[in-house]
Amino acid sequence: MMAWSLVFLGVVLLSAFPGPGAGGRPMPKLADRKMCADEECSHPISMAVALQDYVAPDCRFLTIHQGQVVYVFSKLKGRGRLFWGGSVQGDYYGDGVARLGYFPSSIVREDQTLKPAKTDVKTDIWDFYCQ
């Protein structure tokens, strides 16, 4: 009985005082600039359909499934030009919260332009921040 009490106490203490992995952390930048529909990159540029599955290698990226609709909010420039930023939702609108992340532009087909990407925006630490 005493051993289980110590285990329980350990779990409680670890939960109350998360280690260095808890919280957010900056990740390496994929690019210094991006193209967006507006200065805040808050309006989607286009809607695209995933042509294949993509498994996110880390928290900066989105896991996308073939056939999923992707809302494109930014297109990285320079060394990161092969990646776009966007969001996906489940099969049903109420399935869950949309999450923003990056994905290779080669795995989607843009089907509809919503607003032209004419605004050149500097990326910052928050563009590549992991929770």
C-alpha atoms as a PDB file:
ATOM      1  CA  MET A   1       0.000   0.000   0.000  1.00  0.00           C
ATOM      2  CA  MET A   2       2.848   2.369   0.848  1.00  0.00           C
ATOM      3  CA  ALA A   3       4.462   1.822  -2.577  1.00  0.00           C
ATOM      4  CA  TRP A   4       1.266   2.838  -4.398  1.00  0.00           C
ATOM      5  CA  SER A   5       1.020   5.953  -2.231  1.00  0.00           C
ATOM      6  CA  LEU A   6       4.550   6.959  -3.271  1.00  0.00           C
ATOM      7  CA  VAL A   7       3.750   6.325  -6.936  1.00  0.00           C
ATOM      8  CA  PHE A   8       0.587   8.407  -6.662  1.00  0.00           C
ATOM      9  CA  LEU A   9       2.512  11.204  -4.947  1.00  0.00           C
ATOM     10  CA  GLY A  10       5.130  11.102  -7.711  1.00  0.00           C
ATOM     11  CA  VAL A  11       2.468  11.391 -10.417  1.00  0.00           C
ATOM     12  CA  VAL A  12       0.832  14.321  -8.619  1.00  0.00           C
ATOM     13  CA  LEU A  13       4.169  16.135  -8.241  1.00  0.00           C
ATOM     14  CA  LEU A  14       5.133  15.562 -11.876  1.00  0.00           C
ATOM     15  CA  SER A  15       1.752  16.892 -12.993  1.00  0.00           C
ATOM     16  CA  ALA A  16       2.026  19.973 -10.808  1.00  0.00           C
ATOM     17  CA  PHE A  17       5.582  20.829 -11.880  1.00  0.00           C
ATOM     18  CA  PRO A  18       6.019  20.094 -15.583  1.00  0.00           C
ATOM     19  CA  GLY A  19       9.556  19.738 -16.820  1.00  0.00           C
ATOM     20  CA  PRO A  20      11.392  21.620 -19.558  1.00  0.00           C
ATOM     21  CA  GLY A  21       9.394  19.870 -22.295  1.00  0.00           C
ATOM     22  CA  ALA A  22       6.170  21.549 -21.178  1.00  0.00           C
ATOM     23  CA  GLY A  23       5.013  24.762 -22.737  1.00  0.00           C
ATOM     24  CA  GLY A  24       6.142  26.108 -26.073  1.00  0.00           C
ATOM     25  CA  ARG A  25       9.500  26.342 -27.756  1.00  0.00           C
ATOM     26  CA  PRO A  26      10.834  28.076 -30.844  1.00  0.00           C
ATOM     27  CA  MET A  27      11.863  25.828 -33.732  1.00  0.00           C
ATOM     28  CA  PRO A  28      14.214  26.603 -36.644  1.00  0.00           C
ATOM     29  CA  LYS A  29      12.753  28.967 -39.228  1.00  0.00           C
ATOM     30  CA  LEU A  30      11.803  27.458 -42.560  1.00  0.00           C
ATOM     31  CA  ALA A  31      11.957  30.845 -44.326  1.00  0.00           C
ATOM     32  CA  ASP A  32      12.462  34.547 -43.647  1.00  0.00           C
ATOM     33  CA  ARG A  33       9.504  35.746 -45.734  1.00  0.00           C
ATOM     34  CA  LYS A  34       6.074  34.565 -46.836  1.00  0.00           C
ATOM     35  CA  MET A  35       3.323  35.652 -49.190  1.00  0.00           C
ATOM     36  CA  CYS A  36      -0.145  36.224 -47.718  1.00  0.00           C
ATOM     37  CA  ALA A  37      -3.510  37.699 -48.623  1.00  0.00           C
ATOM     38  CA  ASP A  38      -3.139  40.386 -45.921  1.00  0.00           C
ATOM     39  CA  GLU A  39      -0.489  41.668 -43.485  1.00  0.00           C
ATOM     40  CA  GLU A  40      -1.663  39.383 -40.650  1.00  0.00           C
ATOM     41  CA  CYS A  41      -2.011  36.314 -42.890  1.00  0.00           C
ATOM     42  CA  SER A  42      -5.487  35.914 -41.402  1.00  0.00           C
ATOM     43  CA  HIS A  43      -7.427  35.462 -44.657  1.00  0.00           C
ATOM     44  CA  PRO A  44      -7.091  32.246 -46.639  1.00  0.00           C
ATOM     45  CA  ILE A  45      -5.438  32.570 -50.029  1.00  0.00           C
ATOM     46  CA  SER A  46      -6.999  29.456 -51.469  1.00  0.00           C
ATOM     47  CA  MET A  47      -8.649  26.118 -50.885  1.00  0.00           C
ATOM     48  CA  ALA A  48      -6.743  23.008 -51.908  1.00  0.00           C
ATOM     49  CA  VAL A  49      -7.311  19.252 -51.833  1.00  0.00           C
ATOM     50  CA  ALA A  50      -4.684  16.843 -50.527  1.00  0.00           C
ATOM     51  CA  LEU A  51      -3.480  14.489 -53.267  1.00  0.00           C
ATOM     52  CA  GLN A  52      -1.790  12.149 -50.805  1.00  0.00           C
ATOM     53  CA  ASP A  53      -1.239  11.572 -47.093  1.00  0.00           C
ATOM     54  CA  TYR A  54       1.469  13.561 -45.333  1.00  0.00           C
ATOM     55  CA  VAL A  55       2.693  12.800 -41.804  1.00  0.00           C
ATOM     56  CA  ALA A  56       4.034  15.833 -39.962  1.00  0.00           C
ATOM     57  CA  PRO A  57       7.708  15.388 -38.977  1.00  0.00           C
ATOM     58  CA  ASP A  58       7.377  17.851 -36.054  1.00  0.00           C
ATOM     59  CA  CYS A  59       4.939  20.307 -34.503  1.00  0.00           C
ATOM     60  CA  ARG A  60       5.501  23.029 -37.135  1.00  0.00           C
ATOM     61  CA  PHE A  61       3.817  20.860 -39.754  1.00  0.00           C
ATOM     62  CA  LEU A  62       0.319  19.505 -40.379  1.00  0.00           C
ATOM     63  CA  THR A  63      -0.608  15.882 -40.804  1.00  0.00           C
ATOM     64  CA  ILE A  64      -2.875  15.780 -43.852  1.00  0.00           C
ATOM     65  CA  HIS A  65      -4.909  12.914 -45.284  1.00  0.00           C
ATOM     66  CA  GLN A  66      -5.617  12.338 -48.973  1.00  0.00           C
ATOM     67  CA  GLY A  67      -8.842  14.071 -50.010  1.00  0.00           C
ATOM     68  CA  GLN A  68      -8.848  16.521 -47.098  1.00  0.00           C
ATOM     69  CA  VAL A  69      -9.592  20.169 -47.839  1.00  0.00           C
ATOM     70  CA  VAL A  70      -6.705  22.447 -46.885  1.00  0.00           C
ATOM     71  CA  TYR A  71      -7.106  26.182 -46.415  1.00  0.00           C
ATOM     72  CA  VAL A  72      -3.888  27.888 -47.551  1.00  0.00           C
ATOM     73  CA  PHE A  73      -2.995  31.018 -45.538  1.00  0.00           C
ATOM     74  CA  SER A  74       0.624  31.594 -46.579  1.00  0.00           C
ATOM     75  CA  LYS A  75       3.262  30.528 -49.084  1.00  0.00           C
ATOM     76  CA  LEU A  76       6.841  30.596 -47.839  1.00  0.00           C
ATOM     77  CA  LYS A  77       9.487  32.297 -49.958  1.00  0.00           C
ATOM     78  CA  GLY A  78      13.207  31.724 -50.496  1.00  0.00           C
ATOM     79  CA  ARG A  79      14.681  28.574 -48.989  1.00  0.00           C
ATOM     80  CA  GLY A  80      11.247  27.507 -47.662  1.00  0.00           C
ATOM     81  CA  ARG A  81       9.361  28.059 -50.929  1.00  0.00           C
ATOM     82  CA  LEU A  82       8.361  24.394 -51.167  1.00  0.00           C
ATOM     83  CA  PHE A  83       6.154  24.787 -48.071  1.00  0.00           C
ATOM     84  CA  TRP A  84       2.807  26.461 -47.585  1.00  0.00           C
ATOM     85  CA  GLY A  85       1.031  27.307 -44.344  1.00  0.00           C
ATOM     86  CA  GLY A  86      -2.567  26.357 -43.790  1.00  0.00           C
ATOM     87  CA  SER A  87      -5.178  24.528 -41.797  1.00  0.00           C
ATOM     88  CA  VAL A  88      -7.316  21.427 -42.082  1.00  0.00           C
ATOM     89  CA  GLN A  89     -10.453  20.307 -40.315  1.00  0.00           C
ATOM     90  CA  GLY A  90     -12.093  16.938 -39.919  1.00  0.00           C
ATOM     91  CA  ASP A  91     -14.663  15.397 -42.258  1.00  0.00           C
ATOM     92  CA  TYR A  92     -17.387  17.296 -40.433  1.00  0.00           C
ATOM     93  CA  TYR A  93     -17.091  21.000 -39.610  1.00  0.00           C
ATOM     94  CA  GLY A  94     -17.652  20.383 -35.892  1.00  0.00           C
ATOM     95  CA  ASP A  95     -15.029  17.614 -35.640  1.00  0.00           C
ATOM     96  CA  GLY A  96     -12.441  19.734 -33.953  1.00  0.00           C
ATOM     97  CA  VAL A  97     -10.457  22.872 -33.818  1.00  0.00           C
ATOM     98  CA  ALA A  98      -8.540  23.802 -36.936  1.00  0.00           C
ATOM     99  CA  ARG A  99      -4.766  23.844 -36.448  1.00  0.00           C
ATOM    100  CA  LEU A 100      -2.294  25.910 -38.457  1.00  0.00           C
ATOM    101  CA  GLY A 101       0.902  24.358 -39.765  1.00  0.00           C
ATOM    102  CA  TYR A 102       3.121  23.828 -42.788  1.00  0.00           C
ATOM    103  CA  PHE A 103       3.000  21.180 -45.492  1.00  0.00           C
ATOM    104  CA  PRO A 104       4.737  20.567 -48.830  1.00  0.00           C
ATOM    105  CA  SER A 105       2.956  22.416 -51.627  1.00  0.00           C
ATOM    106  CA  SER A 106       3.488  19.374 -53.862  1.00  0.00           C
ATOM    107  CA  ILE A 107       0.954  17.257 -51.946  1.00  0.00           C
ATOM    108  CA  VAL A 108      -2.037  19.516 -52.654  1.00  0.00           C
ATOM    109  CA  ARG A 109      -3.927  20.799 -55.679  1.00  0.00           C
ATOM    110  CA  GLU A 110      -5.269  24.341 -55.392  1.00  0.00           C
ATOM    111  CA  ASP A 111      -8.892  24.244 -56.478  1.00  0.00           C
ATOM    112  CA  GLN A 112     -10.123  27.720 -55.647  1.00  0.00           C
ATOM    113  CA  THR A 113      -8.387  31.059 -55.148  1.00  0.00           C
ATOM    114  CA  LEU A 114     -10.118  33.050 -52.428  1.00  0.00           C
ATOM    115  CA  LYS A 115      -7.874  36.125 -52.228  1.00  0.00           C
ATOM    116  CA  PRO A 116      -4.601  36.723 -54.106  1.00  0.00           C
ATOM    117  CA  ALA A 117      -1.331  36.313 -52.169  1.00  0.00           C
ATOM    118  CA  LYS A 118       0.070  39.781 -52.911  1.00  0.00           C
ATOM    119  CA  THR A 119       1.348  40.778 -49.475  1.00  0.00           C
ATOM    120  CA  ASP A 120       5.005  40.020 -48.714  1.00  0.00           C
ATOM    121  CA  VAL A 121       5.349  39.470 -44.946  1.00  0.00           C
ATOM    122  CA  LYS A 122       8.445  38.874 -42.804  1.00  0.00           C
ATOM    123  CA  THR A 123       8.215  35.670 -40.748  1.00  0.00           C
ATOM    124  CA  ASP A 124       8.856  35.813 -37.019  1.00  0.00           C
ATOM    125  CA  ILE A 125       9.523  33.397 -34.175  1.00  0.00           C
ATOM    126  CA  TRP A 126       5.778  32.738 -33.719  1.00  0.00           C
ATOM    127  CA  ASP A 127       5.498  31.340 -37.250  1.00  0.00           C
ATOM    128  CA  PHE A 128       7.640  28.382 -36.178  1.00  0.00           C
ATOM    129  CA  TYR A 129       6.726  28.080 -32.503  1.00  0.00           C
ATOM    130  CA  CYS A 130       5.699  24.694 -31.116  1.00  0.00           C
ATOM    131  CA  GLN A 131       3.237  24.188 -28.284  1.00  0.00           C
END
